[in-house]
């Protein structure tokens, strides 16, 4: 997972800080900031961040890298 700016399939943009590991389960979590609204620091499971979704009849990535830090 590269740090950088990503676009969600619904259009919002996010700045990915990196990947963290849950201290008890070992699950990998993407740490990111929405580039709209109040921002803040958020996490989402890496597996969910990298999955594909059905959108307008096509399978597309949930998040797409648009620029690298």
Protein backbone atom coordinates (compact mmCIF):
# COMPACT_ATOMS: atom_id res chain seq x y z
CA UNK A 1 0.00 0.00 0.00
CA UNK A 2 1.54 3.28 -1.13
CA UNK A 3 1.08 6.54 0.75
CA UNK A 4 -0.65 9.12 -1.39
CA UNK A 5 -3.95 10.47 -2.58
CA UNK A 6 -6.75 8.03 -3.40
CA UNK A 7 -10.18 8.51 -4.93
CA UNK A 8 -13.15 6.52 -3.62
CA UNK A 9 -15.39 5.01 -6.28
CA UNK A 10 -18.12 7.48 -5.22
CA UNK A 11 -15.78 10.42 -5.83
CA UNK A 12 -14.35 11.54 -2.47
CA UNK A 13 -10.59 11.94 -2.13
CA UNK A 14 -8.46 10.69 0.74
CA UNK A 15 -4.85 11.07 1.84
CA UNK A 16 -3.41 7.72 2.94
CA UNK A 17 -0.79 8.06 5.68
CA UNK A 18 0.22 4.41 5.74
CA UNK A 19 -0.68 1.01 7.12
CA UNK A 20 -0.86 0.23 10.84
CA UNK A 21 -1.25 -3.10 12.61
CA UNK A 22 -3.94 -3.75 15.24
CA UNK A 23 -2.12 -4.43 18.52
CA UNK A 24 -4.20 -7.45 19.52
CA UNK A 25 -5.39 -9.08 16.30
CA UNK A 26 -2.50 -8.18 13.98
CA UNK A 27 -5.01 -7.00 11.36
CA UNK A 28 -3.56 -4.45 8.93
CA UNK A 29 -5.42 -1.12 8.88
CA UNK A 30 -5.08 1.76 6.43
CA UNK A 31 -4.68 5.13 8.19
CA UNK A 32 -6.15 7.97 6.14
CA UNK A 33 -7.63 11.47 6.18
CA UNK A 34 -10.67 12.48 4.13
CA UNK A 35 -9.84 15.56 2.03
CA UNK A 36 -13.30 17.04 2.59
CA UNK A 37 -15.48 17.88 5.57
CA UNK A 38 -13.85 17.87 8.98
CA UNK A 39 -11.01 15.57 7.88
CA UNK A 40 -9.67 13.79 10.94
CA UNK A 41 -7.79 10.52 11.15
CA UNK A 42 -9.61 7.34 10.15
CA UNK A 43 -8.77 3.66 9.74
CA UNK A 44 -10.22 0.93 7.55
CA UNK A 45 -9.11 -2.70 7.18
CA UNK A 46 -6.54 -3.04 4.40
CA UNK A 47 -8.53 -5.89 2.86
CA UNK A 48 -11.59 -3.64 2.57
CA UNK A 49 -9.55 -0.72 1.23
CA UNK A 50 -8.16 -2.92 -1.57
CA UNK A 51 -11.35 -4.73 -2.53
CA UNK A 52 -13.43 -4.20 -5.65
CA UNK A 53 -17.11 -3.24 -5.63
CA UNK A 54 -19.99 -3.26 -8.10
CA UNK A 55 -20.73 0.26 -9.34
CA UNK A 56 -22.98 1.15 -12.26
CA UNK A 57 -22.79 -2.39 -13.61
CA UNK A 58 -18.99 -2.65 -13.44
CA UNK A 59 -16.53 -4.05 -10.95
CA UNK A 60 -14.23 -1.21 -9.86
CA UNK A 61 -11.67 -0.71 -7.08
CA UNK A 62 -13.14 0.80 -3.89
CA UNK A 63 -10.15 3.19 -3.78
CA UNK A 64 -7.87 4.14 -6.68
CA UNK A 65 -4.42 5.68 -6.28
CA UNK A 66 -4.31 9.06 -8.07
CA UNK A 67 -0.98 10.48 -6.82
CA UNK A 68 1.97 9.24 -4.78
CA UNK A 69 3.66 11.16 -1.97
